[in-house]
Protein backbone atom coordinates (compact mmCIF):
# COMPACT_ATOMS: atom_id res chain seq x y z
CA UNK A 1 38.20 -12.76 12.44
CA UNK A 2 36.19 -9.69 10.56
CA UNK A 3 38.20 -7.44 9.56
CA UNK A 4 37.72 -4.36 12.03
CA UNK A 5 38.24 -6.29 14.57
CA UNK A 6 41.64 -8.23 13.15
CA UNK A 7 42.13 -4.62 12.01
CA UNK A 8 42.23 -3.83 16.11
CA UNK A 9 44.20 -6.66 16.86
CA UNK A 10 47.12 -6.02 14.55
CA UNK A 11 47.37 -2.12 15.81
CA UNK A 12 50.42 -1.39 17.59
CA UNK A 13 50.56 1.90 17.41
CA UNK A 14 48.79 5.38 16.13
CA UNK A 15 50.08 6.61 12.64
CA UNK A 16 48.86 9.83 13.12
CA UNK A 17 50.33 10.33 16.32
CA UNK A 18 53.91 9.38 15.28
CA UNK A 19 53.84 11.89 12.56
CA UNK A 20 55.98 14.13 14.03
CA UNK A 21 58.07 11.35 15.74
CA UNK A 22 58.44 10.38 12.05
CA UNK A 23 59.61 14.03 10.95
CA UNK A 24 61.94 14.28 14.14
CA UNK A 25 63.51 10.91 13.38
CA UNK A 26 63.78 11.95 9.35
CA UNK A 27 65.29 15.13 10.98
CA UNK A 28 68.36 13.86 12.55
CA UNK A 29 68.90 11.79 9.70
CA UNK A 30 69.13 14.19 6.89
CA UNK A 31 71.17 16.57 9.49
CA UNK A 32 68.23 19.14 8.45
CA UNK A 33 64.88 19.99 9.41
CA UNK A 34 64.03 21.96 5.89
CA UNK A 35 61.62 19.74 4.48
CA UNK A 36 60.64 22.31 1.55
CA UNK A 37 56.85 22.71 0.59
CA UNK A 38 54.89 22.16 2.95
CA UNK A 39 51.82 21.30 0.74
CA UNK A 40 53.34 17.32 1.26
CA UNK A 41 51.86 17.63 4.96
CA UNK A 42 48.19 17.11 3.03
CA UNK A 43 49.15 14.26 1.34
CA UNK A 44 50.61 12.67 4.46
CA UNK A 45 48.35 13.19 6.73
CA UNK A 46 45.29 11.72 4.69
CA UNK A 47 47.68 8.79 4.01
CA UNK A 48 48.54 8.33 7.95
CA UNK A 49 44.95 8.94 9.28
CA UNK A 50 43.98 6.22 6.11
CA UNK A 51 46.22 3.71 7.75
CA UNK A 52 44.54 4.00 11.47
CA UNK A 53 41.19 3.82 10.28
CA UNK A 54 41.11 1.58 7.60
CA UNK A 55 43.98 -0.73 6.35
CA UNK A 56 44.48 -4.25 7.56
CA UNK A 57 48.04 -4.02 8.12
CA UNK A 58 49.74 -6.70 10.23
CA UNK A 59 52.55 -5.97 12.70
CA UNK A 60 55.02 -6.25 9.78
CA UNK A 61 52.83 -4.74 7.37
CA UNK A 62 52.64 -1.69 9.78
CA UNK A 63 56.98 -1.57 10.93
CA UNK A 64 57.50 -1.60 7.16
CA UNK A 65 55.17 1.06 6.52
CA UNK A 66 56.42 3.32 9.12
CA UNK A 67 60.37 2.23 7.25
CA UNK A 68 59.09 3.43 3.92
CA UNK A 69 57.89 6.48 5.58
CA UNK A 70 60.94 7.30 7.56
CA UNK A 71 62.95 6.91 4.38
CA UNK A 72 60.62 9.13 2.02
CA UNK A 73 60.51 11.91 4.85
CA UNK A 74 64.71 11.40 5.23
CA UNK A 75 65.28 11.98 1.40
CA UNK A 76 63.33 15.40 1.42
CA UNK A 77 65.27 17.46 3.58
CA UNK A 78 68.85 15.51 2.40
CA UNK A 79 67.20 16.62 -1.18
CA UNK A 80 66.20 20.20 -0.71
CA UNK A 81 69.84 20.65 1.26
CA UNK A 82 72.45 19.16 -2.15
CA UNK A 83 69.48 21.76 -4.44
CA UNK A 84 70.69 24.40 -1.54
CA UNK A 85 74.68 23.57 -1.48
CA UNK A 86 75.04 23.31 -5.19
CA UNK A 87 72.30 25.38 -7.32
CA UNK A 88 73.48 24.84 -10.66
CA UNK A 89 72.30 21.04 -10.19
CA UNK A 90 68.62 22.81 -10.38
CA UNK A 91 69.43 25.20 -13.87
CA UNK A 92 70.49 21.80 -15.74
CA UNK A 93 67.33 20.94 -18.41
CA UNK A 94 65.68 17.68 -19.18
CA UNK A 95 65.84 17.71 -22.82
CA UNK A 96 62.51 14.91 -24.63
CA UNK A 97 63.01 12.31 -22.11
CA UNK A 98 61.51 9.10 -22.74
CA UNK A 99 58.90 7.86 -20.88
CA UNK A 100 57.22 4.12 -20.88
CA UNK A 101 54.07 3.07 -19.35
CA UNK A 102 50.73 1.38 -20.29
CA UNK A 103 48.59 -1.04 -17.82
CA UNK A 104 50.47 -2.85 -15.98
CA UNK A 105 51.31 -6.04 -17.29
CA UNK A 106 51.79 -5.08 -20.80
CA UNK A 107 55.41 -5.10 -21.38
CA UNK A 108 56.78 -2.02 -19.77
CA UNK A 109 59.54 -3.73 -17.98
CA UNK A 110 60.77 -6.18 -20.50
CA UNK A 111 60.93 -2.96 -22.97
CA UNK A 112 62.47 -0.18 -20.25
CA UNK A 113 65.44 -3.03 -19.34
CA UNK A 114 66.14 -3.63 -22.77
CA UNK A 115 65.80 -0.04 -23.61
CA UNK A 116 68.14 0.50 -20.81
CA UNK A 117 71.35 -1.02 -22.23
CA UNK A 118 71.77 1.95 -24.55
CA UNK A 119 75.00 3.82 -23.42
CA UNK A 120 73.39 6.82 -24.44
CA UNK A 121 70.03 6.47 -21.79
CA UNK A 122 70.72 7.18 -18.26
CA UNK A 123 68.08 5.44 -15.25
CA UNK A 124 66.75 5.55 -12.73
CA UNK A 125 68.50 2.66 -10.35
CA UNK A 126 66.97 1.29 -7.93
CA UNK A 127 69.40 2.92 -4.96
CA UNK A 128 69.38 5.84 -6.12
CA UNK A 129 65.09 5.81 -6.35
CA UNK A 130 65.28 5.24 -2.60
CA UNK A 131 68.19 7.78 -1.97
CA UNK A 132 68.48 10.54 -4.93
CA UNK A 133 71.60 11.99 -4.57
CA UNK A 134 74.02 12.55 -7.61
CA UNK A 135 74.92 9.05 -9.29
CA UNK A 136 78.65 8.62 -7.65
CA UNK A 137 81.05 6.73 -10.68
CA UNK A 138 80.16 2.92 -10.61
CA UNK A 139 82.98 1.54 -9.11
CA UNK A 140 81.77 3.07 -5.63
CA UNK A 141 78.25 1.69 -5.57
CA UNK A 142 79.12 -1.55 -3.82
CA UNK A 143 80.64 0.27 -0.86
CA UNK A 144 77.65 3.11 -0.72
CA UNK A 145 75.24 2.70 2.42
CA UNK A 146 72.69 3.82 0.41
CA UNK A 147 73.42 0.73 -1.97
CA UNK A 148 73.62 -1.89 1.06
CA UNK A 149 70.13 -0.70 2.32
CA UNK A 150 68.81 -1.19 -1.27
CA UNK A 151 70.14 -4.63 -0.73
CA UNK A 152 68.41 -5.28 2.16
CA UNK A 153 65.36 -3.95 1.30
CA UNK A 154 64.64 -5.96 -1.32
CA UNK A 155 66.04 -8.99 0.11
CA UNK A 156 63.01 -8.71 2.18
CA UNK A 157 60.57 -8.17 -0.57
CA UNK A 158 62.24 -11.54 -2.22
CA UNK A 159 62.01 -13.18 1.00
CA UNK A 160 59.00 -12.44 2.05
CA UNK A 161 57.44 -14.02 -0.93
CA UNK A 162 59.77 -15.20 -3.72
CA UNK A 163 57.75 -15.65 -6.58
CA UNK A 164 57.65 -11.61 -6.72
CA UNK A 165 60.88 -12.19 -8.36
CA UNK A 166 58.62 -14.28 -11.51
CA UNK A 167 56.31 -11.68 -11.73
CA UNK A 168 58.42 -8.34 -11.33
CA UNK A 169 62.42 -7.97 -11.15
CA UNK A 170 64.11 -5.54 -8.78
CA UNK A 171 68.04 -5.13 -7.88
CA UNK A 172 70.05 -2.32 -6.73
CA UNK A 173 71.87 -1.23 -9.57
CA UNK A 174 69.15 -1.60 -12.50
CA UNK A 175 66.43 0.72 -14.23
CA UNK A 176 63.51 1.37 -11.67
CA UNK A 177 60.14 2.11 -11.74
CA UNK A 178 59.60 6.04 -11.08
CA UNK A 179 57.56 5.52 -7.91
CA UNK A 180 60.37 6.69 -5.15
CA UNK A 181 60.32 10.19 -6.78
CA UNK A 182 56.08 10.41 -6.15
CA UNK A 183 56.54 9.46 -2.87
CA UNK A 184 58.79 12.03 -1.76
CA UNK A 185 55.20 13.63 -2.15
CA UNK A 186 52.98 11.93 -1.00
CA UNK A 187 50.88 10.99 -3.84
CA UNK A 188 51.38 7.49 -5.47
CA UNK A 189 49.99 4.13 -6.36
CA UNK A 190 52.57 2.16 -3.61
CA UNK A 191 50.27 2.64 -0.79
CA UNK A 192 46.83 1.90 -1.74
CA UNK A 193 48.44 -0.33 -3.77
CA UNK A 194 50.19 -2.29 -1.04
CA UNK A 195 47.41 -1.18 2.17
CA UNK A 196 43.77 -0.80 1.99
CA UNK A 197 43.28 2.14 2.16
CA UNK A 198 40.51 3.87 0.52
CA UNK A 199 39.98 7.47 2.21
CA UNK A 200 43.67 7.81 0.90
CA UNK A 201 42.70 6.03 -3.01
CA UNK A 202 39.65 8.95 -3.95
CA UNK A 203 42.17 12.24 -2.21
CA UNK A 204 44.15 10.59 -4.04
CA UNK A 205 42.64 10.25 -7.09
CA UNK A 206 41.56 14.03 -7.57
CA UNK A 207 44.69 15.37 -6.04
CA UNK A 208 46.41 17.78 -8.84
CA UNK A 209 49.48 15.92 -9.77
CA UNK A 210 52.12 18.81 -11.13
CA UNK A 211 53.68 19.66 -7.67
CA UNK A 212 54.45 16.29 -7.71
CA UNK A 213 56.18 16.12 -11.06
CA UNK A 214 57.91 19.29 -10.90
CA UNK A 215 59.25 17.40 -7.86
CA UNK A 216 59.72 14.57 -9.96
CA UNK A 217 61.92 16.47 -12.32
CA UNK A 218 63.85 18.03 -9.48
CA UNK A 219 64.73 14.97 -8.19
CA UNK A 220 66.17 13.42 -11.98
CA UNK A 221 68.33 16.92 -12.16
CA UNK A 222 70.02 16.17 -8.96
CA UNK A 223 70.81 12.53 -9.86
CA UNK A 224 71.91 12.94 -13.65
CA UNK A 225 73.29 15.84 -12.16
CA UNK A 226 77.07 14.39 -13.15
CA UNK A 227 75.47 13.40 -16.33
CA UNK A 228 73.16 15.78 -17.91
CA UNK A 229 73.54 15.41 -21.64
CA UNK A 230 72.50 12.09 -21.18
CA UNK A 231 68.66 11.05 -22.17
CA UNK A 232 66.52 9.66 -19.82
CA UNK A 233 64.83 6.36 -19.99
CA UNK A 234 61.73 6.49 -17.44
CA UNK A 235 58.83 4.08 -16.77
CA UNK A 236 55.84 3.70 -14.37
CA UNK A 237 52.25 2.53 -15.26
CA UNK A 238 50.58 4.82 -13.10
CA UNK A 239 51.72 7.95 -15.81
CA UNK A 240 48.70 6.97 -17.73
CA UNK A 241 47.17 7.62 -14.60
CA UNK A 242 48.65 11.15 -14.80
CA UNK A 243 49.19 12.09 -18.55
CA UNK A 244 48.09 15.93 -18.38
CA UNK A 245 50.48 16.29 -15.58
CA UNK A 246 53.19 14.94 -17.04
CA UNK A 247 52.89 17.15 -19.95
CA UNK A 248 52.62 19.99 -17.85
CA UNK A 249 55.79 19.29 -16.21
CA UNK A 250 58.16 17.43 -19.58
CA UNK A 251 56.07 19.17 -22.44
CA UNK A 252 58.18 17.69 -25.20
CA UNK A 253 58.54 13.86 -23.47
CA UNK A 254 58.43 11.30 -25.77
CA UNK A 255 55.88 8.41 -24.87
CA UNK A 256 55.97 4.75 -25.75
CA UNK A 257 52.67 3.19 -24.91
CA UNK A 258 52.21 -0.53 -24.45
CA UNK A 259 49.42 -2.74 -25.07
CA UNK A 260 48.05 -5.78 -24.60
CA UNK A 261 43.79 -7.21 -24.33
CA UNK A 262 43.04 -6.30 -20.80
CA UNK A 263 41.36 -9.48 -20.23
CA UNK A 264 44.80 -11.03 -20.68
CA UNK A 265 46.22 -8.33 -17.52
CA UNK A 266 43.48 -8.03 -15.61
CA UNK A 267 44.53 -11.51 -13.15
CA UNK A 268 48.20 -10.87 -13.72
CA UNK A 269 47.83 -8.10 -12.64
CA UNK A 270 45.55 -9.11 -10.10
CA UNK A 271 48.07 -11.56 -8.52
CA UNK A 272 51.08 -8.93 -8.71
CA UNK A 273 49.20 -6.95 -6.47
CA UNK A 274 48.12 -9.86 -3.79
CA UNK A 275 51.59 -10.23 -4.17
CA UNK A 276 52.59 -7.37 -3.03
CA UNK A 277 49.48 -6.53 -0.48
CA UNK A 278 50.57 -9.75 1.23
CA UNK A 279 53.71 -8.82 2.44
CA UNK A 280 51.60 -6.06 4.51
CA UNK A 281 48.78 -6.65 5.39
CA UNK A 282 47.46 -9.59 7.85
CA UNK A 283 44.76 -10.77 5.61
CA UNK A 284 44.21 -10.45 1.72
CA UNK A 285 40.59 -9.98 0.23
CA UNK A 286 41.38 -11.26 -3.59
CA UNK A 287 38.17 -11.02 -5.24
CA UNK A 288 38.33 -6.91 -3.30
CA UNK A 289 42.17 -6.45 -5.02
CA UNK A 290 40.26 -7.75 -8.43
CA UNK A 291 36.51 -5.33 -8.34
CA UNK A 292 39.76 -2.52 -7.20
CA UNK A 293 42.22 -2.79 -9.71
CA UNK A 294 39.52 -3.23 -12.52
CA UNK A 295 37.80 -0.31 -11.59
CA UNK A 296 41.04 1.79 -10.90
CA UNK A 297 42.66 1.01 -14.90
CA UNK A 298 39.22 1.18 -16.31
CA UNK A 299 38.60 4.73 -15.37
CA UNK A 300 42.47 5.06 -15.34
CA UNK A 301 41.93 4.97 -19.22
CA UNK A 302 38.74 6.36 -20.24
CA UNK A 303 40.24 9.46 -18.78
CA UNK A 304 43.33 8.43 -20.73
CA UNK A 305 41.45 7.92 -24.12
CA UNK A 306 39.76 11.56 -23.76
CA UNK A 307 43.06 13.01 -23.22
CA UNK A 308 44.94 11.82 -25.70
CA UNK A 309 42.66 12.45 -28.14
CA UNK A 310 43.39 15.91 -27.57
CA UNK A 311 47.27 15.48 -28.49
CA UNK A 312 49.80 15.31 -30.33
CA UNK A 313 50.32 11.84 -32.17
CA UNK A 314 53.77 12.59 -32.91
CA UNK A 315 54.59 12.75 -29.44
CA UNK A 316 53.48 9.16 -28.69
CA UNK A 317 54.88 5.34 -29.98
CA UNK A 318 51.91 2.75 -29.10
CA UNK A 319 53.56 -0.82 -29.10
CA UNK A 320 51.95 -4.38 -28.44
CA UNK A 321 53.19 -6.67 -26.22
CA UNK A 322 52.88 -9.40 -28.69
CA UNK A 323 55.58 -7.24 -30.85
CA UNK A 324 57.26 -6.80 -27.92
CA UNK A 325 57.83 -10.59 -26.93
CA UNK A 326 58.53 -11.39 -30.91
CA UNK A 327 60.74 -8.55 -31.96
CA UNK A 328 61.96 -6.46 -29.08
CA UNK A 329 64.87 -4.42 -30.47
CA UNK A 330 62.90 -4.07 -33.42
CA UNK A 331 60.07 -2.34 -31.25
CA UNK A 332 63.41 -0.82 -30.08
CA UNK A 333 64.27 0.51 -33.18
CA UNK A 334 60.94 2.05 -34.67
CA UNK A 335 60.95 3.98 -30.74
CA UNK A 336 63.95 5.72 -32.07
CA UNK A 337 63.23 5.90 -35.37
CA UNK A 338 60.12 7.86 -34.69
CA UNK A 339 61.39 10.36 -32.40
CA UNK A 340 64.19 10.63 -34.59
CA UNK A 341 66.68 9.89 -31.53
CA UNK A 342 70.61 8.17 -33.02
CA UNK A 343 70.09 4.60 -33.37
CA UNK A 344 73.60 3.53 -32.85
CA UNK A 345 76.03 0.06 -34.03
CA UNK A 346 76.57 0.02 -30.06
CA UNK A 347 72.85 0.73 -28.60
CA UNK A 348 72.06 -2.07 -31.01
CA UNK A 349 74.63 -4.46 -29.62
CA UNK A 350 74.12 -3.41 -26.59
CA UNK A 351 70.40 -4.44 -26.80
CA UNK A 352 70.81 -7.60 -28.58
CA UNK A 353 73.42 -9.05 -26.24
CA UNK A 354 71.09 -8.32 -23.16
CA UNK A 355 68.15 -10.11 -24.80
CA UNK A 356 70.17 -12.87 -24.79
CA UNK A 357 71.80 -13.14 -21.97
CA UNK A 358 67.76 -12.46 -19.83
CA UNK A 359 65.27 -14.53 -22.21
CA UNK A 360 61.52 -14.59 -20.93
CA UNK A 361 61.49 -16.96 -17.67
CA UNK A 362 64.51 -16.64 -16.44
CA UNK A 363 63.79 -15.50 -13.24
CA UNK A 364 61.37 -18.10 -12.77
CA UNK A 365 57.25 -17.72 -14.40
CA UNK A 366 54.32 -16.31 -13.18
CA UNK A 367 51.77 -18.57 -11.85
CA UNK A 368 48.75 -17.15 -10.67
CA UNK A 369 44.87 -18.80 -10.98
CA UNK A 370 42.38 -16.70 -13.13
CA UNK A 371 39.72 -17.69 -11.08
CA UNK A 372 40.76 -16.33 -7.83
CA UNK A 373 40.03 -13.53 -8.63
CA UNK A 374 36.57 -13.91 -10.04
CA UNK A 375 36.72 -11.89 -12.71
CA UNK A 376 34.76 -12.30 -16.01
CA UNK A 377 36.15 -11.67 -19.52
CA UNK A 378 33.07 -10.06 -20.92
CA UNK A 379 32.82 -7.50 -18.05
CA UNK A 380 36.78 -6.45 -18.21
CA UNK A 381 36.69 -5.79 -21.86
CA UNK A 382 33.05 -4.27 -21.58
CA UNK A 383 34.63 -1.52 -18.96
CA UNK A 384 37.57 -0.99 -21.50
CA UNK A 385 35.66 -0.94 -24.07
CA UNK A 386 36.80 2.92 -24.91
CA UNK A 387 40.51 1.70 -24.41
CA UNK A 388 40.03 -0.83 -26.56
CA UNK A 389 37.93 0.53 -29.32
CA UNK A 390 40.54 3.71 -29.39
CA UNK A 391 43.30 1.55 -30.08
CA UNK A 392 41.83 -1.31 -32.19
CA UNK A 393 42.42 -4.30 -29.58
CA UNK A 394 41.80 -7.51 -30.67
CA UNK A 395 40.20 -9.98 -27.42
CA UNK A 396 42.70 -12.37 -27.85
CA UNK A 397 42.03 -16.14 -28.48
CA UNK A 398 42.09 -16.68 -24.69
CA UNK A 399 39.61 -13.73 -23.80
């Protein structure tokens, strides 16, 4: 069955026609009709139109996409109401947040989870990322409806593909990526990572991300309202693509960039994306995903390198994947030394305990075949040549 026929066969409703219904349901769930700055509507409408015209969403994928859109829209008026009722939230400051970024599959998640063990840090827990609100006391989390909903959401993903747990572990109470906060502006990687929507991809690639990061900052203020003294630790590979906007909103950010030979990364990244895409789409074109992923990240890295040349090198710490594997606590210590952060006995104790209790492969090994994606290592190296030269990266023996 060709793409157009498959897409037509799977269509059960029009996303575009459902826009007002989405908003009405969100109003009822949030108890408010204040969605804030209406500029989010541009991204939402581009996305809805792309879902209708281009996506290959299965019936289950349509339901999941619709549910995700509804939750995003529900969160906007909820946040607006809390900011209005408690104006002191937006007067708090976020000082020197620590951001971890890097091409996917370069150790960002491992380093994120390790550094999150420092009691002096605060992270974006999954359940609060998906339902931003002032962080309640820990003993109240399990009884919270939003926490229970996060459990169901994660369970659904892993039931759809159990192998995803070995690729990218998510738990309701552990550190999560920033994607959920950027989704509130409908400017995020997850939309086109989970569906074939090239018109949205083209729009997203050129949109001004400063307003999205401004809302990201205000949502962090909301979540961390009761703990403003704790340093924020954040992570998301897509921050690479938006470094200019990130620094405009967080000019004192401390940025940790993880590195790995792209020839080792691309097939693994494609396998991850294909796994999540399969939860939404009725047929997954692995070769198309590989071409899209390679072009996306190679283009992003060229732009990132051009911007890094103009930045203060002291604002960045570069760590190679093999260092993160061989001496993760040592890398953490060097991150703190580089940025002048306080390294305490409690931090080292917690980090070492977590590392000992969470060896690599604890939740299974990521199994994939590079040949399924048709990527040639010489081609990959050529596309990432500027990046590899700038950071003095060598091709691995396998690459």
